[in-house]
């Protein structure tokens, strides 16, 4: 899937420098940045969504004892 984005000149220069110095393409680094950054963004926003659900009564929390029992850690 082709996607285009507009980068600030400073970011573009840094990306150009990195690609030139390492012999890799800018596209390679953009894919790497997106993969790593997406994991962080998913963690943040999905955790926020889970917290909203709990506060709205749409989810529940578990005590440590409940988790240990469910996982069979108390045996």
PDB file of N, CA and C in Angstrom:
ATOM      1  N   UNK A   1       0.847  -1.170   0.000  1.00  0.00           N
ATOM      2  CA  UNK A   1       0.000   0.000   0.000  1.00  0.00           C
ATOM      3  C   UNK A   1       0.895   1.236   0.000  1.00  0.00           C
ATOM      4  N   UNK A   2       0.715   2.063  -0.968  1.00  0.00           N
ATOM      5  CA  UNK A   2       1.500   3.290  -1.051  1.00  0.00           C
ATOM      6  C   UNK A   2       0.818   4.385  -0.235  1.00  0.00           C
ATOM      7  N   UNK A   3       1.615   5.059   0.553  1.00  0.00           N
ATOM      8  CA  UNK A   3       1.133   6.152   1.379  1.00  0.00           C
ATOM      9  C   UNK A   3       2.154   7.273   1.290  1.00  0.00           C
ATOM     10  N   UNK A   4       1.696   8.499   1.262  1.00  0.00           N
ATOM     11  CA  UNK A   4       2.653   9.598   1.251  1.00  0.00           C
ATOM     12  C   UNK A   4       2.445  10.468   2.475  1.00  0.00           C
ATOM     13  N   UNK A   5       3.545  11.007   2.961  1.00  0.00           N
ATOM     14  CA  UNK A   5       3.504  11.917   4.107  1.00  0.00           C
ATOM     15  C   UNK A   5       4.409  13.098   3.811  1.00  0.00           C
ATOM     16  N   UNK A   6       4.123  14.199   4.443  1.00  0.00           N
ATOM     17  CA  UNK A   6       4.947  15.394   4.301  1.00  0.00           C
ATOM     18  C   UNK A   6       5.775  15.532   5.584  1.00  0.00           C
ATOM     19  N   UNK A   7       7.092  15.577   5.409  1.00  0.00           N
ATOM     20  CA  UNK A   7       7.992  15.699   6.552  1.00  0.00           C
ATOM     21  C   UNK A   7       8.509  17.122   6.674  1.00  0.00           C
ATOM     22  N   UNK A   8       8.785  17.520   7.906  1.00  0.00           N
ATOM     23  CA  UNK A   8       9.430  18.810   8.130  1.00  0.00           C
ATOM     24  C   UNK A   8      10.840  18.736   7.548  1.00  0.00           C
ATOM     25  N   UNK A   9      11.355  19.837   7.043  1.00  0.00           N
ATOM     26  CA  UNK A   9      12.697  19.827   6.425  1.00  0.00           C
ATOM     27  C   UNK A   9      13.784  19.244   7.330  1.00  0.00           C
ATOM     28  N   UNK A  10      13.745  19.565   8.606  1.00  0.00           N
ATOM     29  CA  UNK A  10      14.760  19.043   9.526  1.00  0.00           C
ATOM     30  C   UNK A  10      14.705  17.519   9.611  1.00  0.00           C
ATOM     31  N   UNK A  11      13.514  16.968   9.671  1.00  0.00           N
ATOM     32  CA  UNK A  11      13.355  15.515   9.735  1.00  0.00           C
ATOM     33  C   UNK A  11      13.829  14.884   8.423  1.00  0.00           C
ATOM     34  N   UNK A  12      13.470  15.503   7.314  1.00  0.00           N
ATOM     35  CA  UNK A  12      13.897  15.013   5.994  1.00  0.00           C
ATOM     36  C   UNK A  12      15.423  14.998   5.889  1.00  0.00           C
ATOM     37  N   UNK A  13      16.067  16.045   6.382  1.00  0.00           N
ATOM     38  CA  UNK A  13      17.532  16.117   6.341  1.00  0.00           C
ATOM     39  C   UNK A  13      18.161  15.017   7.194  1.00  0.00           C
ATOM     40  N   UNK A  14      17.592  14.793   8.377  1.00  0.00           N
ATOM     41  CA  UNK A  14      18.120  13.747   9.258  1.00  0.00           C
ATOM     42  C   UNK A  14      17.970  12.373   8.615  1.00  0.00           C
ATOM     43  N   UNK A  15      16.832  12.151   7.993  1.00  0.00           N
ATOM     44  CA  UNK A  15      16.582  10.890   7.319  1.00  0.00           C
ATOM     45  C   UNK A  15      17.531  10.705   6.133  1.00  0.00           C
ATOM     46  N   UNK A  16      17.730  11.763   5.353  1.00  0.00           N
ATOM     47  CA  UNK A  16      18.688  11.722   4.241  1.00  0.00           C
ATOM     48  C   UNK A  16      20.089  11.381   4.733  1.00  0.00           C
ATOM     49  N   UNK A  17      20.512  12.037   5.804  1.00  0.00           N
ATOM     50  CA  UNK A  17      21.850  11.812   6.351  1.00  0.00           C
ATOM     51  C   UNK A  17      22.005  10.360   6.810  1.00  0.00           C
ATOM     52  N   UNK A  18      21.013   9.857   7.532  1.00  0.00           N
ATOM     53  CA  UNK A  18      21.065   8.483   8.015  1.00  0.00           C
ATOM     54  C   UNK A  18      21.165   7.505   6.850  1.00  0.00           C
ATOM     55  N   UNK A  19      20.350   7.698   5.846  1.00  0.00           N
ATOM     56  CA  UNK A  19      20.365   6.808   4.680  1.00  0.00           C
ATOM     57  C   UNK A  19      21.707   6.872   3.953  1.00  0.00           C
ATOM     58  N   UNK A  20      22.224   8.061   3.768  1.00  0.00           N
ATOM     59  CA  UNK A  20      23.500   8.239   3.077  1.00  0.00           C
ATOM     60  C   UNK A  20      24.640   7.582   3.848  1.00  0.00           C
ATOM     61  N   UNK A  21      24.676   7.801   5.139  1.00  0.00           N
ATOM     62  CA  UNK A  21      25.767   7.280   5.964  1.00  0.00           C
ATOM     63  C   UNK A  21      25.742   5.762   6.093  1.00  0.00           C
ATOM     64  N   UNK A  22      24.577   5.162   6.011  1.00  0.00           N
ATOM     65  CA  UNK A  22      24.470   3.724   6.241  1.00  0.00           C
ATOM     66  C   UNK A  22      24.283   2.909   4.970  1.00  0.00           C
ATOM     67  N   UNK A  23      23.994   3.579   3.864  1.00  0.00           N
ATOM     68  CA  UNK A  23      23.793   2.862   2.615  1.00  0.00           C
ATOM     69  C   UNK A  23      22.433   2.201   2.484  1.00  0.00           C
ATOM     70  N   UNK A  24      21.545   2.513   3.370  1.00  0.00           N
ATOM     71  CA  UNK A  24      20.178   1.992   3.280  1.00  0.00           C
ATOM     72  C   UNK A  24      19.279   3.071   2.691  1.00  0.00           C
ATOM     73  N   UNK A  25      18.076   2.663   2.295  1.00  0.00           N
ATOM     74  CA  UNK A  25      17.156   3.634   1.711  1.00  0.00           C
ATOM     75  C   UNK A  25      16.361   4.357   2.797  1.00  0.00           C
ATOM     76  N   UNK A  26      15.859   5.516   2.418  1.00  0.00           N
ATOM     77  CA  UNK A  26      14.984   6.243   3.341  1.00  0.00           C
ATOM     78  C   UNK A  26      13.728   5.420   3.611  1.00  0.00           C
ATOM     79  N   UNK A  27      13.236   4.726   2.591  1.00  0.00           N
ATOM     80  CA  UNK A  27      12.041   3.896   2.754  1.00  0.00           C
ATOM     81  C   UNK A  27      12.266   2.815   3.815  1.00  0.00           C
ATOM     82  N   UNK A  28      13.469   2.241   3.836  1.00  0.00           N
ATOM     83  CA  UNK A  28      13.789   1.233   4.842  1.00  0.00           C
ATOM     84  C   UNK A  28      13.622   1.816   6.247  1.00  0.00           C
ATOM     85  N   UNK A  29      14.212   2.982   6.465  1.00  0.00           N
ATOM     86  CA  UNK A  29      14.142   3.595   7.794  1.00  0.00           C
ATOM     87  C   UNK A  29      12.730   4.046   8.144  1.00  0.00           C
ATOM     88  N   UNK A  30      11.999   4.529   7.184  1.00  0.00           N
ATOM     89  CA  UNK A  30      10.615   4.913   7.460  1.00  0.00           C
ATOM     90  C   UNK A  30       9.790   3.704   7.886  1.00  0.00           C
ATOM     91  N   UNK A  31       9.988   2.567   7.218  1.00  0.00           N
ATOM     92  CA  UNK A  31       9.269   1.350   7.623  1.00  0.00           C
ATOM     93  C   UNK A  31       9.661   0.934   9.038  1.00  0.00           C
ATOM     94  N   UNK A  32      10.953   0.997   9.351  1.00  0.00           N
ATOM     95  CA  UNK A  32      11.419   0.633  10.693  1.00  0.00           C
ATOM     96  C   UNK A  32      10.835   1.569  11.754  1.00  0.00           C
ATOM     97  N   UNK A  33      10.856   2.851  11.470  1.00  0.00           N
ATOM     98  CA  UNK A  33      10.325   3.845  12.415  1.00  0.00           C
ATOM     99  C   UNK A  33       8.845   3.601  12.655  1.00  0.00           C
ATOM    100  N   UNK A  34       8.104   3.320  11.598  1.00  0.00           N
ATOM    101  CA  UNK A  34       6.669   3.083  11.735  1.00  0.00           C
ATOM    102  C   UNK A  34       6.409   1.812  12.524  1.00  0.00           C
ATOM    103  N   UNK A  35       7.138   0.739  12.236  1.00  0.00           N
ATOM    104  CA  UNK A  35       6.930  -0.517  12.977  1.00  0.00           C
ATOM    105  C   UNK A  35       7.174  -0.321  14.470  1.00  0.00           C
ATOM    106  N   UNK A  36       8.291   0.304  14.804  1.00  0.00           N
ATOM    107  CA  UNK A  36       8.630   0.487  16.215  1.00  0.00           C
ATOM    108  C   UNK A  36       7.690   1.478  16.881  1.00  0.00           C
ATOM    109  N   UNK A  37       7.408   2.554  16.191  1.00  0.00           N
ATOM    110  CA  UNK A  37       6.531   3.575  16.766  1.00  0.00           C
ATOM    111  C   UNK A  37       5.101   3.101  16.902  1.00  0.00           C
ATOM    112  N   UNK A  38       4.636   2.285  15.966  1.00  0.00           N
ATOM    113  CA  UNK A  38       3.271   1.789  16.020  1.00  0.00           C
ATOM    114  C   UNK A  38       3.051   0.929  17.250  1.00  0.00           C
ATOM    115  N   UNK A  39       4.034   0.122  17.611  1.00  0.00           N
ATOM    116  CA  UNK A  39       3.920  -0.688  18.821  1.00  0.00           C
ATOM    117  C   UNK A  39       3.730   0.195  20.052  1.00  0.00           C
ATOM    118  N   UNK A  40       4.500   1.263  20.140  1.00  0.00           N
ATOM    119  CA  UNK A  40       4.372   2.179  21.275  1.00  0.00           C
ATOM    120  C   UNK A  40       3.008   2.866  21.278  1.00  0.00           C
ATOM    121  N   UNK A  41       2.578   3.329  20.122  1.00  0.00           N
ATOM    122  CA  UNK A  41       1.288   4.027  20.024  1.00  0.00           C
ATOM    123  C   UNK A  41       0.143   3.070  20.351  1.00  0.00           C
ATOM    124  N   UNK A  42       0.221   1.831  19.867  1.00  0.00           N
ATOM    125  CA  UNK A  42      -0.805   0.836  20.193  1.00  0.00           C
ATOM    126  C   UNK A  42      -0.883   0.624  21.698  1.00  0.00           C
ATOM    127  N   UNK A  43       0.273   0.457  22.339  1.00  0.00           N
ATOM    128  CA  UNK A  43       0.300   0.248  23.782  1.00  0.00           C
ATOM    129  C   UNK A  43      -0.397   1.392  24.514  1.00  0.00           C
ATOM    130  N   UNK A  44      -0.074   2.608  24.140  1.00  0.00           N
ATOM    131  CA  UNK A  44      -0.624   3.779  24.815  1.00  0.00           C
ATOM    132  C   UNK A  44      -2.129   3.896  24.597  1.00  0.00           C
ATOM    133  N   UNK A  45      -2.557   3.881  23.340  1.00  0.00           N
ATOM    134  CA  UNK A  45      -3.961   4.141  23.043  1.00  0.00           C
ATOM    135  C   UNK A  45      -4.877   2.982  23.398  1.00  0.00           C
ATOM    136  N   UNK A  46      -4.393   1.743  23.259  1.00  0.00           N
ATOM    137  CA  UNK A  46      -5.226   0.607  23.657  1.00  0.00           C
ATOM    138  C   UNK A  46      -5.349   0.530  25.181  1.00  0.00           C
ATOM    139  N   UNK A  47      -4.290   0.912  25.894  1.00  0.00           N
ATOM    140  CA  UNK A  47      -4.379   0.966  27.359  1.00  0.00           C
ATOM    141  C   UNK A  47      -5.359   2.058  27.788  1.00  0.00           C
ATOM    142  N   UNK A  48      -5.297   3.216  27.123  1.00  0.00           N
ATOM    143  CA  UNK A  48      -6.249   4.291  27.425  1.00  0.00           C
ATOM    144  C   UNK A  48      -7.685   3.834  27.179  1.00  0.00           C
ATOM    145  N   UNK A  49      -7.917   3.116  26.080  1.00  0.00           N
ATOM    146  CA  UNK A  49      -9.249   2.619  25.742  1.00  0.00           C
ATOM    147  C   UNK A  49      -9.728   1.626  26.787  1.00  0.00           C
ATOM    148  N   UNK A  50      -8.855   0.734  27.223  1.00  0.00           N
ATOM    149  CA  UNK A  50      -9.217  -0.239  28.259  1.00  0.00           C
ATOM    150  C   UNK A  50      -9.591   0.470  29.556  1.00  0.00           C
ATOM    151  N   UNK A  51      -8.838   1.500  29.917  1.00  0.00           N
ATOM    152  CA  UNK A  51      -9.146   2.260  31.127  1.00  0.00           C
ATOM    153  C   UNK A  51     -10.487   2.967  31.004  1.00  0.00           C
ATOM    154  N   UNK A  52     -10.766   3.552  29.841  1.00  0.00           N
ATOM    155  CA  UNK A  52     -12.067   4.191  29.606  1.00  0.00           C
ATOM    156  C   UNK A  52     -13.194   3.175  29.760  1.00  0.00           C
ATOM    157  N   UNK A  53     -13.010   1.980  29.206  1.00  0.00           N
ATOM    158  CA  UNK A  53     -14.025   0.934  29.302  1.00  0.00           C
ATOM    159  C   UNK A  53     -14.278   0.539  30.751  1.00  0.00           C
ATOM    160  N   UNK A  54     -13.211   0.398  31.515  1.00  0.00           N
ATOM    161  CA  UNK A  54     -13.356   0.035  32.925  1.00  0.00           C
ATOM    162  C   UNK A  54     -14.105   1.128  33.680  1.00  0.00           C
ATOM    163  N   UNK A  55     -13.722   2.368  33.443  1.00  0.00           N
ATOM    164  CA  UNK A  55     -14.396   3.483  34.122  1.00  0.00           C
ATOM    165  C   UNK A  55     -15.859   3.611  33.729  1.00  0.00           C
ATOM    166  N   UNK A  56     -16.186   3.184  32.491  1.00  0.00           N
ATOM    167  CA  UNK A  56     -17.575   3.258  32.004  1.00  0.00           C
ATOM    168  C   UNK A  56     -18.364   2.007  32.372  1.00  0.00           C
ATOM    169  N   UNK A  57     -17.740   1.085  33.087  1.00  0.00           N
ATOM    170  CA  UNK A  57     -18.428  -0.133  33.497  1.00  0.00           C
ATOM    171  C   UNK A  57     -18.515  -1.179  32.398  1.00  0.00           C
ATOM    172  N   UNK A  58     -17.740  -1.021  31.338  1.00  0.00           N
ATOM    173  CA  UNK A  58     -17.771  -1.971  30.225  1.00  0.00           C
ATOM    174  C   UNK A  58     -16.673  -3.026  30.326  1.00  0.00           C
ATOM    175  N   UNK A  59     -15.881  -2.950  31.339  1.00  0.00           N
ATOM    176  CA  UNK A  59     -14.791  -3.901  31.538  1.00  0.00           C
ATOM    177  C   UNK A  59     -14.643  -4.161  33.017  1.00  0.00           C
ATOM    178  N   UNK A  60     -13.780  -5.076  33.361  1.00  0.00           N
ATOM    179  CA  UNK A  60     -13.575  -5.328  34.787  1.00  0.00           C
ATOM    180  C   UNK A  60     -12.106  -5.511  35.073  1.00  0.00           C
ATOM    181  N   UNK A  61     -11.780  -5.390  36.339  1.00  0.00           N
ATOM    182  CA  UNK A  61     -10.410  -5.614  36.793  1.00  0.00           C
ATOM    183  C   UNK A  61     -10.376  -6.905  37.603  1.00  0.00           C
ATOM    184  N   UNK A  62      -9.178  -7.417  37.796  1.00  0.00           N
ATOM    185  CA  UNK A  62      -8.996  -8.655  38.537  1.00  0.00           C
ATOM    186  C   UNK A  62      -7.968  -8.431  39.633  1.00  0.00           C
ATOM    187  N   UNK A  63      -8.199  -9.061  40.756  1.00  0.00           N
ATOM    188  CA  UNK A  63      -7.222  -8.977  41.841  1.00  0.00           C
ATOM    189  C   UNK A  63      -6.053  -9.898  41.510  1.00  0.00           C
ATOM    190  N   UNK A  64      -4.956  -9.692  42.213  1.00  0.00           N
ATOM    191  CA  UNK A  64      -3.792 -10.551  42.031  1.00  0.00           C
ATOM    192  C   UNK A  64      -4.149 -11.995  42.374  1.00  0.00           C
ATOM    193  N   UNK A  65      -4.929 -12.181  43.428  1.00  0.00           N
ATOM    194  CA  UNK A  65      -5.338 -13.539  43.819  1.00  0.00           C
ATOM    195  C   UNK A  65      -6.162 -14.205  42.724  1.00  0.00           C
ATOM    196  N   UNK A  66      -7.070 -13.465  42.092  1.00  0.00           N
ATOM    197  CA  UNK A  66      -7.882 -14.027  41.006  1.00  0.00           C
ATOM    198  C   UNK A  66      -7.003 -14.446  39.825  1.00  0.00           C
ATOM    199  N   UNK A  67      -6.048 -13.620  39.491  1.00  0.00           N
ATOM    200  CA  UNK A  67      -5.159 -13.924  38.367  1.00  0.00           C
ATOM    201  C   UNK A  67      -4.307 -15.143  38.682  1.00  0.00           C
ATOM    202  N   UNK A  68      -3.741 -15.182  39.872  1.00  0.00           N
ATOM    203  CA  UNK A  68      -2.908 -16.319  40.263  1.00  0.00           C
ATOM    204  C   UNK A  68      -3.711 -17.617  40.229  1.00  0.00           C
ATOM    205  N   UNK A  69      -4.935 -17.577  40.719  1.00  0.00           N
ATOM    206  CA  UNK A  69      -5.780 -18.769  40.730  1.00  0.00           C
ATOM    207  C   UNK A  69      -6.109 -19.194  39.309  1.00  0.00           C
ATOM    208  N   UNK A  70      -6.511 -18.252  38.449  1.00  0.00           N
ATOM    209  CA  UNK A  70      -6.859 -18.556  37.066  1.00  0.00           C
ATOM    210  C   UNK A  70      -5.689 -19.158  36.298  1.00  0.00           C
ATOM    211  N   UNK A  71      -4.480 -18.682  36.583  1.00  0.00           N
ATOM    212  CA  UNK A  71      -3.296 -19.187  35.907  1.00  0.00           C
ATOM    213  C   UNK A  71      -2.692 -20.425  36.561  1.00  0.00           C
ATOM    214  N   UNK A  72      -3.283 -20.840  37.670  1.00  0.00           N
ATOM    215  CA  UNK A  72      -2.784 -22.031  38.363  1.00  0.00           C
ATOM    216  C   UNK A  72      -1.468 -21.815  39.064  1.00  0.00           C
ATOM    217  N   UNK A  73      -1.208 -20.594  39.477  1.00  0.00           N
ATOM    218  CA  UNK A  73       0.068 -20.281  40.120  1.00  0.00           C
ATOM    219  C   UNK A  73       0.056 -20.576  41.620  1.00  0.00           C
ATOM    220  N   UNK A  74      -1.100 -20.833  42.174  1.00  0.00           N
ATOM    221  CA  UNK A  74      -1.173 -21.100  43.616  1.00  0.00           C
ATOM    222  C   UNK A  74      -1.060 -22.564  43.953  1.00  0.00           C
ATOM    223  N   UNK A  75      -0.947 -23.406  42.951  1.00  0.00           N
ATOM    224  CA  UNK A  75      -0.875 -24.859  43.195  1.00  0.00           C
ATOM    225  C   UNK A  75       0.451 -25.260  43.753  1.00  0.00           C
TER     226      UNK A  75
END
